[in-house]
Amino acid sequence: MAQPLCLPPGSDIRLADFDADFHEGLDKEAGKTETRRLWEELDDLAYRLYAEARRAVVVVLQGIDAAGKDGTIRMLARGISPQCLDVVSFKAPSQLELAHDFLWRVHKSMPGHGRIGIFNRSHYEDVIVVRVRKLVSEPVWRSRYDQINAFEKLLTDGGLTIVKCFLHISKDEQRERLEERLRDPHKQWKLGPADLDDRRHWDSFEQAYDDALTKCNTEHAPWHIVPANRKWYRDLVVARLVRQTLERLDPRFPPYDPTLITSLE
């Protein structure tokens, strides 16, 4: 049975209704082969967008700890030339960032025309983490849904296409990945007390995401729920989404100026 990647705006989105292990019945090797093929298409389309220099794309990656945001970024970076790509990771805000409105640091990090940005976390932290950890009052974080929708509409009106991906893993899969980090010397640095504390608040995080996905799922910036228990399938779905987005934009090389040939004679 098929599973939708996104629901129409106004739908009630509940992560519990989505199977994090869904993979279309594909096998791992077939999925990886298709992803490698998509890299060639992504690189060509991204280069065309870069040459055109009139529009931009940002891929927003959200998900609970260990959902695979870093791995997804590495996958896209294999298929898209660095000259076309910007990657931004949003951690706890600095004092300078806290001295501005919550969208300031995100707005100034948006990719310029011709570029593809990838966000590891985003402005959605300000209706997720701040809510669960009670860093701001409820009236504050509740008011932010409308502010985010207006902000994203402003961006899309200015020529930015937003591809929002929630990397959906199960609680059991997260436990396995956190345990793997504990065993792997190359990954131990990624795990801290806050990660384990957040796991104890799994239900609260899921409710916060349900609300954010529901309230900020708009025509101009819809949410995509990416099944991410299988890393290879997560990569395939995101690669497809970015390819489809670029195909819809249909970027073109700037027109050739035939008068330039005279300067070579």
Protein backbone atom coordinates (compact mmCIF):
# COMPACT_ATOMS: atom_id res chain seq x y z
CA MET A 1 0.00 0.00 0.00
CA ALA A 2 1.27 3.47 -0.89
CA GLN A 3 1.93 6.10 1.75
CA PRO A 4 1.60 9.82 0.96
CA LEU A 5 4.60 12.09 1.33
CA CYS A 6 2.42 15.06 2.12
CA LEU A 7 -1.18 15.89 2.97
CA PRO A 8 -3.30 18.80 1.70
CA PRO A 9 -3.10 22.05 3.69
CA GLY A 10 -5.66 22.04 6.49
CA SER A 11 -5.26 18.29 7.08
CA ASP A 12 -4.60 17.02 10.57
CA ILE A 13 -1.08 15.58 10.42
CA ARG A 14 -0.22 12.92 13.00
CA LEU A 15 3.14 11.21 12.77
CA ALA A 16 1.61 8.09 14.32
CA ASP A 17 -0.32 7.65 11.07
CA PHE A 18 2.90 7.40 9.02
CA ASP A 19 5.02 4.25 8.87
CA ALA A 20 8.66 5.22 9.42
CA ASP A 21 9.71 1.88 7.91
CA PHE A 22 7.82 2.32 4.64
CA HIS A 23 10.00 1.69 1.56
CA GLU A 24 7.65 0.93 -1.39
CA GLY A 25 8.75 -2.69 -1.41
CA LEU A 26 12.09 -1.65 -2.96
CA ASP A 27 15.26 -3.45 -2.00
CA LYS A 28 18.31 -1.61 -0.73
CA GLU A 29 20.48 -2.05 -3.82
CA ALA A 30 17.73 -0.88 -6.19
CA GLY A 31 17.17 2.19 -4.01
CA LYS A 32 20.86 3.06 -3.91
CA THR A 33 21.17 2.60 -7.67
CA GLU A 34 18.31 5.01 -8.30
CA THR A 35 19.82 7.57 -5.91
CA ARG A 36 23.16 7.43 -7.75
CA ARG A 37 21.33 8.00 -11.03
CA LEU A 38 19.51 10.99 -9.55
CA TRP A 39 22.83 12.60 -8.60
CA GLU A 40 23.64 13.18 -12.27
CA GLU A 41 20.28 14.86 -12.86
CA LEU A 42 20.61 16.93 -9.68
CA ASP A 43 24.05 18.20 -10.65
CA ASP A 44 22.88 19.29 -14.10
CA LEU A 45 19.72 20.99 -12.82
CA ALA A 46 21.60 22.70 -9.96
CA TYR A 47 24.19 24.03 -12.41
CA ARG A 48 21.43 25.43 -14.60
CA LEU A 49 19.86 27.13 -11.57
CA TYR A 50 23.29 28.56 -10.70
CA ALA A 51 23.79 29.90 -14.24
CA GLU A 52 20.28 31.33 -14.42
CA ALA A 53 20.79 33.16 -11.08
CA ARG A 54 17.17 34.31 -10.75
CA ARG A 55 15.70 31.87 -8.22
CA ALA A 56 16.84 29.78 -5.27
CA VAL A 57 15.86 26.62 -3.38
CA VAL A 58 16.17 25.78 0.30
CA VAL A 59 15.83 22.24 1.63
CA VAL A 60 14.72 22.31 5.27
CA LEU A 61 15.60 19.14 7.21
CA GLN A 62 13.85 18.57 10.51
CA GLY A 63 13.60 15.48 12.66
CA ILE A 64 14.14 14.18 16.13
CA ASP A 65 17.71 13.41 17.27
CA ALA A 66 19.39 10.72 15.10
CA ALA A 67 16.78 11.05 12.36
CA GLY A 68 19.53 11.35 9.73
CA LYS A 69 19.87 15.04 8.93
CA ASP A 70 23.67 14.88 8.63
CA GLY A 71 23.52 11.77 6.44
CA THR A 72 20.95 13.38 4.15
CA ILE A 73 23.16 16.43 3.73
CA ARG A 74 26.15 14.25 2.82
CA MET A 75 24.01 12.44 0.26
CA LEU A 76 22.91 15.66 -1.46
CA ALA A 77 26.45 17.04 -1.36
CA ARG A 78 27.63 14.00 -3.34
CA GLY A 79 25.27 14.89 -6.16
CA ILE A 80 25.40 18.69 -6.24
CA SER A 81 28.52 20.72 -7.01
CA PRO A 82 29.77 22.79 -4.04
CA GLN A 83 29.67 25.95 -6.19
CA CYS A 84 25.85 25.63 -6.21
CA LEU A 85 25.36 24.62 -2.57
CA ASP A 86 25.13 26.28 0.86
CA VAL A 87 24.76 24.24 4.07
CA VAL A 88 23.70 25.86 7.35
CA SER A 89 23.34 24.13 10.73
CA PHE A 90 21.19 25.82 13.35
CA LYS A 91 22.29 25.13 16.90
CA ALA A 92 21.33 26.87 20.13
CA PRO A 93 21.08 30.61 19.32
CA SER A 94 24.00 32.88 20.22
CA GLN A 95 23.65 36.03 22.30
CA LEU A 96 23.69 38.07 19.08
CA GLU A 97 20.89 35.95 17.62
CA LEU A 98 18.86 36.16 20.82
CA ALA A 99 19.10 39.94 20.59
CA HIS A 100 16.97 39.79 17.41
CA ASP A 101 13.61 38.27 16.51
CA PHE A 102 13.62 34.48 16.20
CA LEU A 103 13.52 34.56 12.39
CA TRP A 104 16.49 36.92 11.99
CA ARG A 105 19.22 34.28 11.93
CA VAL A 106 17.22 32.16 9.49
CA HIS A 107 16.42 35.00 7.09
CA LYS A 108 20.05 36.07 6.79
CA SER A 109 21.06 32.46 6.05
CA MET A 110 18.74 32.00 3.07
CA PRO A 111 20.53 31.10 -0.18
CA GLY A 112 21.02 33.78 -2.78
CA HIS A 113 19.65 33.54 -6.31
CA GLY A 114 21.13 30.62 -8.20
CA ARG A 115 21.94 28.57 -5.14
CA ILE A 116 20.53 25.62 -3.22
CA GLY A 117 20.58 25.88 0.56
CA ILE A 118 20.29 22.96 2.95
CA PHE A 119 19.22 23.68 6.52
CA ASN A 120 20.12 21.25 9.29
CA ARG A 121 17.26 22.24 11.62
CA SER A 122 15.66 25.63 11.09
CA HIS A 123 13.15 28.18 12.40
CA TYR A 124 10.97 25.22 13.42
CA GLU A 125 13.19 24.75 16.46
CA ASP A 126 11.41 27.85 17.77
CA VAL A 127 8.07 26.04 17.96
CA ILE A 128 9.53 22.63 18.90
CA VAL A 129 12.48 22.76 21.29
CA VAL A 130 11.42 25.98 22.99
CA ARG A 131 7.98 24.48 23.57
CA VAL A 132 9.12 21.12 24.97
CA ARG A 133 11.90 22.60 27.11
CA LYS A 134 9.65 25.51 28.17
CA LEU A 135 12.17 28.15 27.08
CA VAL A 136 9.41 30.63 26.17
CA SER A 137 5.82 30.99 27.28
CA GLU A 138 2.97 29.24 25.47
CA PRO A 139 1.48 32.47 24.04
CA VAL A 140 4.88 33.22 22.47
CA TRP A 141 5.42 29.89 20.71
CA ARG A 142 1.77 29.65 19.67
CA SER A 143 1.98 33.03 17.92
CA ARG A 144 4.93 31.81 15.89
CA TYR A 145 2.98 29.46 13.62
CA ASP A 146 1.33 32.38 11.83
CA GLN A 147 4.61 34.30 11.82
CA ILE A 148 6.39 31.37 10.17
CA ASN A 149 3.68 31.01 7.54
CA ALA A 150 3.88 34.71 6.70
CA PHE A 151 7.70 34.54 6.62
CA GLU A 152 7.71 31.59 4.23
CA LYS A 153 5.15 33.31 1.99
CA LEU A 154 7.40 36.37 1.84
CA LEU A 155 10.32 34.17 0.80
CA THR A 156 8.40 32.28 -1.88
CA ASP A 157 7.00 35.52 -3.29
CA GLY A 158 10.62 36.64 -3.68
CA GLY A 159 11.63 33.65 -5.81
CA LEU A 160 12.64 31.09 -3.18
CA THR A 161 11.27 27.54 -3.31
CA ILE A 162 11.09 25.82 0.08
CA VAL A 163 11.30 22.02 0.32
CA LYS A 164 10.44 21.03 3.88
CA CYS A 165 11.33 17.46 4.87
CA PHE A 166 10.53 15.86 8.20
CA LEU A 167 12.76 12.80 8.59
CA HIS A 168 10.48 10.36 10.38
CA ILE A 169 12.03 7.58 12.48
CA SER A 170 10.46 5.35 15.11
CA LYS A 171 11.35 5.42 18.79
CA ASP A 172 12.91 1.94 18.52
CA GLU A 173 15.04 3.03 15.56
CA GLN A 174 16.23 6.08 17.48
CA ARG A 175 17.30 3.89 20.39
CA GLU A 176 19.33 1.68 18.05
CA ARG A 177 21.04 4.67 16.49
CA LEU A 178 21.86 6.28 19.83
CA GLU A 179 23.30 2.99 21.06
CA GLU A 180 25.40 2.80 17.89
CA ARG A 181 26.76 6.27 18.61
CA LEU A 182 27.79 5.17 22.07
CA ARG A 183 29.75 2.25 20.59
CA ASP A 184 31.40 4.13 17.71
CA PRO A 185 34.39 6.36 18.65
CA HIS A 186 33.76 8.41 15.51
CA LYS A 187 30.20 9.19 16.58
CA GLN A 188 30.39 9.41 20.38
CA TRP A 189 30.99 13.16 20.21
CA LYS A 190 27.51 13.60 18.69
CA LEU A 191 25.76 12.28 21.79
CA GLY A 192 25.30 14.40 24.91
CA PRO A 193 23.13 14.46 28.04
CA ALA A 194 20.58 16.70 26.30
CA ASP A 195 19.98 14.02 23.64
CA LEU A 196 19.15 11.41 26.25
CA ASP A 197 16.98 13.87 28.15
CA ASP A 198 15.09 14.72 24.97
CA ARG A 199 14.42 11.03 24.39
CA ARG A 200 12.60 10.91 27.72
CA HIS A 201 10.29 13.56 26.28
CA TRP A 202 9.56 11.66 23.06
CA ASP A 203 5.78 12.04 23.33
CA SER A 204 6.06 15.79 23.95
CA PHE A 205 8.32 16.22 20.93
CA GLU A 206 5.97 14.18 18.76
CA GLN A 207 3.00 16.33 19.82
CA ALA A 208 4.98 19.48 19.11
CA TYR A 209 5.90 18.20 15.65
CA ASP A 210 2.31 17.14 14.94
CA ASP A 211 1.17 20.70 15.64
CA ALA A 212 3.95 22.35 13.64
CA LEU A 213 3.45 20.05 10.66
CA THR A 214 -0.30 20.65 10.73
CA LYS A 215 -0.28 24.42 11.28
CA CYS A 216 2.59 25.19 8.89
CA ASN A 217 1.62 22.92 6.01
CA THR A 218 0.76 25.47 3.34
CA GLU A 219 0.28 25.61 -0.42
CA HIS A 220 3.44 27.69 -0.82
CA ALA A 221 5.56 25.58 1.57
CA PRO A 222 4.12 22.08 2.20
CA TRP A 223 5.63 19.55 4.57
CA HIS A 224 6.88 16.17 3.35
CA ILE A 225 6.96 13.26 5.80
CA VAL A 226 9.98 11.17 4.76
CA PRO A 227 10.10 7.58 6.09
CA ALA A 228 13.62 7.46 7.51
CA ASN A 229 14.07 4.17 9.37
CA ARG A 230 15.94 2.89 6.30
CA LYS A 231 18.70 5.34 5.51
CA TRP A 232 18.94 4.37 1.85
CA TYR A 233 15.21 4.96 1.34
CA ARG A 234 15.36 8.32 3.16
CA ASP A 235 18.14 9.37 0.77
CA LEU A 236 16.16 8.25 -2.25
CA VAL A 237 13.01 10.13 -1.24
CA VAL A 238 14.84 13.39 -0.55
CA ALA A 239 16.84 13.12 -3.78
CA ARG A 240 13.59 12.59 -5.69
CA LEU A 241 11.97 15.60 -4.01
CA VAL A 242 14.86 17.92 -4.83
CA ARG A 243 15.03 16.63 -8.41
CA GLN A 244 11.28 17.12 -8.88
CA THR A 245 11.50 20.62 -7.42
CA LEU A 246 14.28 21.63 -9.81
CA GLU A 247 12.47 20.05 -12.76
CA ARG A 248 9.37 22.12 -12.00
CA LEU A 249 11.49 25.27 -11.89
CA ASP A 250 13.03 24.26 -15.23
CA PRO A 251 16.07 26.56 -14.92
CA ARG A 252 17.59 27.74 -18.20
CA PHE A 253 21.04 28.93 -19.17
CA PRO A 254 21.13 32.68 -19.93
CA PRO A 255 20.80 33.49 -23.64
CA TYR A 256 23.95 33.54 -25.68
CA ASP A 257 25.12 36.94 -26.96
CA PRO A 258 26.41 36.36 -30.53
CA THR A 259 28.17 39.74 -30.56
CA LEU A 260 30.73 38.37 -28.13
CA ILE A 261 32.29 36.31 -30.89
CA THR A 262 33.71 39.46 -32.49
CA SER A 263 35.94 40.05 -29.47
CA LEU A 264 37.73 36.81 -30.25
CA GLU A 265 38.64 37.80 -33.80
